[in-house]
Amino acid sequence: MKIEYTNRNRRITARQSGFNLIELMVTLAIISILTMIAYPSFMQSVRKGNRSDAHTAMMRAASNLERFFSTNGTYTTDASLLGLKMYGDDATSDQGHYIIDVAAGGTGIGSSYVVSATAKEGDMQSDDDGCTEFSISSLGVRTPDPTESKCW
């Protein structure tokens, strides 16, 4: 569409170009809808990837507990001796999403242990539906049960 303007004996021709407000609003609405659909799925994928942070820390602790047992004839609940990252008095996973705890198993610390990982309060992993707590025992029993859960 051409619009003609006159300016003292001269004719100025301008072409209409660019977006109008309606086109801009429709584009923003489409982007908003796509974002609302994609963002939760993206965050769940990130949380799923971050679960490996807990698994790695627990496996390292379990491995070091077995090494400690072979040297000392007993297990320990002192997480600082197990090669875990310490944050104050708490042992944490490498990326800091989980608190790692080592406790005596059912037959006592002399012969069994349970390593658990709990998502830190306020961390994005605390919103990981049904997968905020993990544990593995000296017998290799994992919770939540890997055959019934998507967490492992």
Protein backbone atom coordinates (compact mmCIF):
# COMPACT_ATOMS: atom_id res chain seq x y z
CA MET A 1 0.00 0.00 0.00
CA LYS A 2 1.40 3.36 -0.95
CA ILE A 3 0.68 6.51 0.95
CA GLU A 4 1.34 9.80 -0.71
CA TYR A 5 2.15 12.99 1.10
CA THR A 6 2.55 16.39 -0.38
CA ASN A 7 5.14 18.82 0.79
CA ARG A 8 5.14 22.15 -1.07
CA ASN A 9 5.23 21.17 -4.65
CA ARG A 10 6.94 17.82 -3.95
CA ARG A 11 5.29 14.53 -3.71
CA ILE A 12 6.69 12.11 -1.08
CA THR A 13 5.84 8.45 -1.36
CA ALA A 14 6.21 6.13 1.65
CA ARG A 15 5.60 2.42 1.86
CA GLN A 16 4.03 0.81 4.87
CA SER A 17 6.34 -1.81 6.34
CA GLY A 18 6.98 -3.61 9.65
CA PHE A 19 4.56 -5.22 12.07
CA ASN A 20 1.33 -3.82 13.33
CA LEU A 21 0.23 -4.27 16.91
CA ILE A 22 -2.11 -7.20 16.18
CA GLU A 23 0.64 -9.20 14.47
CA LEU A 24 3.00 -8.52 17.35
CA MET A 25 0.43 -9.61 19.97
CA VAL A 26 -0.35 -12.83 18.07
CA THR A 27 3.38 -13.63 17.87
CA LEU A 28 3.82 -13.01 21.61
CA ALA A 29 0.79 -15.18 22.41
CA ILE A 30 2.18 -18.08 20.36
CA ILE A 31 5.60 -17.79 22.02
CA SER A 32 3.95 -17.68 25.48
CA ILE A 33 1.90 -20.81 24.82
CA LEU A 34 4.92 -22.72 23.52
CA THR A 35 6.93 -21.65 26.56
CA MET A 36 4.20 -22.78 28.96
CA ILE A 37 4.21 -26.21 27.33
CA ALA A 38 7.97 -26.67 26.94
CA TYR A 39 9.34 -25.24 30.20
CA PRO A 40 7.95 -27.86 32.65
CA SER A 41 9.17 -30.66 30.39
CA PHE A 42 12.60 -29.05 30.17
CA MET A 43 12.84 -28.66 33.97
CA GLN A 44 11.84 -32.31 34.51
CA SER A 45 14.61 -33.37 32.14
CA VAL A 46 17.11 -31.28 34.09
CA ARG A 47 15.94 -32.83 37.39
CA LYS A 48 16.26 -36.31 35.88
CA GLY A 49 19.83 -35.52 34.83
CA ASN A 50 20.64 -34.16 38.29
CA ARG A 51 19.61 -37.46 39.92
CA SER A 52 22.94 -38.86 38.76
CA ASP A 53 24.54 -36.43 41.23
CA ALA A 54 22.94 -38.39 44.10
CA HIS A 55 23.71 -41.78 42.55
CA THR A 56 27.37 -40.91 42.02
CA ALA A 57 27.83 -39.63 45.57
CA MET A 58 26.12 -42.67 47.09
CA MET A 59 28.17 -45.12 45.01
CA ARG A 60 31.39 -43.31 45.95
CA ALA A 61 30.41 -43.48 49.62
CA ALA A 62 29.53 -47.18 49.36
CA SER A 63 32.80 -47.96 47.61
CA ASN A 64 34.79 -46.06 50.21
CA LEU A 65 32.84 -47.75 53.01
CA GLU A 66 33.87 -51.14 51.63
CA ARG A 67 37.48 -49.94 51.42
CA PHE A 68 37.24 -48.66 55.02
CA PHE A 69 35.79 -52.03 56.12
CA SER A 70 38.62 -53.99 54.48
CA THR A 71 41.16 -51.90 56.37
CA ASN A 72 39.41 -51.54 59.75
CA GLY A 73 37.06 -54.52 60.02
CA THR A 74 34.06 -52.24 60.55
CA TYR A 75 32.11 -49.58 58.68
CA THR A 76 31.94 -45.93 59.73
CA THR A 77 29.22 -43.30 59.87
CA ASP A 78 31.77 -40.47 59.57
CA ALA A 79 31.07 -39.12 56.09
CA SER A 80 34.22 -36.99 56.14
CA LEU A 81 36.29 -40.20 55.92
CA LEU A 82 34.49 -41.32 52.76
CA GLY A 83 35.74 -38.82 50.19
CA LEU A 84 32.49 -36.87 50.07
CA LYS A 85 32.27 -33.13 49.65
CA MET A 86 31.59 -31.53 53.03
CA TYR A 87 29.51 -28.41 53.55
CA GLY A 88 29.76 -27.57 57.23
CA ASP A 89 28.76 -30.72 59.10
CA ASP A 90 26.83 -32.14 56.14
CA ALA A 91 28.20 -34.30 53.35
CA THR A 92 26.85 -33.19 50.00
CA SER A 93 26.85 -34.54 46.47
CA ASP A 94 29.40 -33.09 44.06
CA GLN A 95 26.97 -30.62 42.48
CA GLY A 96 25.40 -29.84 45.86
CA HIS A 97 21.84 -30.91 45.06
CA TYR A 98 21.69 -33.62 47.76
CA ILE A 99 22.65 -34.15 51.40
CA ILE A 100 24.39 -37.52 51.85
CA ASP A 101 23.98 -39.44 55.10
CA VAL A 102 25.65 -42.64 56.27
CA ALA A 103 23.91 -44.69 58.97
CA ALA A 104 24.21 -48.11 60.55
CA GLY A 105 22.29 -50.87 58.81
CA GLY A 106 19.95 -53.36 60.42
CA THR A 107 22.77 -55.41 61.98
CA GLY A 108 24.77 -52.44 63.28
CA ILE A 109 27.63 -50.40 61.90
CA GLY A 110 30.09 -53.24 62.43
CA SER A 111 28.55 -55.26 59.63
CA SER A 112 26.11 -53.12 57.63
CA TYR A 113 25.37 -49.59 56.48
CA VAL A 114 22.80 -47.51 54.64
CA VAL A 115 23.83 -44.54 52.49
CA SER A 116 21.03 -42.11 51.75
CA ALA A 117 20.69 -38.97 49.66
CA THR A 118 18.01 -36.36 50.28
CA ALA A 119 17.34 -33.39 48.02
CA LYS A 120 18.34 -30.11 49.62
CA GLU A 121 15.50 -27.92 50.81
CA GLY A 122 14.87 -25.12 48.33
CA ASP A 123 16.94 -26.77 45.59
CA MET A 124 15.34 -27.54 42.23
CA GLN A 125 15.65 -31.26 43.05
CA SER A 126 13.25 -30.85 45.99
CA ASP A 127 10.52 -30.52 43.32
CA ASP A 128 11.46 -33.84 41.67
CA ASP A 129 8.19 -35.71 42.01
CA GLY A 130 8.71 -38.91 44.03
CA CYS A 131 12.49 -38.87 43.61
CA THR A 132 13.71 -36.66 46.43
CA GLU A 133 15.13 -39.47 48.60
CA PHE A 134 17.39 -42.37 47.61
CA SER A 135 19.24 -44.99 49.61
CA ILE A 136 21.47 -47.98 49.08
CA SER A 137 22.41 -50.54 51.72
CA SER A 138 25.45 -52.74 52.22
CA LEU A 139 23.39 -55.56 50.70
CA GLY A 140 22.83 -53.52 47.53
CA VAL A 141 19.15 -52.86 48.25
CA ARG A 142 18.13 -49.59 46.60
CA THR A 143 15.13 -47.45 47.45
CA PRO A 144 12.92 -46.46 45.87
CA ASP A 145 12.79 -49.86 44.23
CA PRO A 146 14.35 -49.50 40.74
CA THR A 147 11.92 -52.01 39.21
CA GLU A 148 8.92 -49.94 40.30
CA SER A 149 10.33 -46.42 40.13
CA LYS A 150 11.71 -44.11 37.46
CA CYS A 151 14.19 -42.63 39.94
CA TRP A 152 17.10 -44.97 39.28
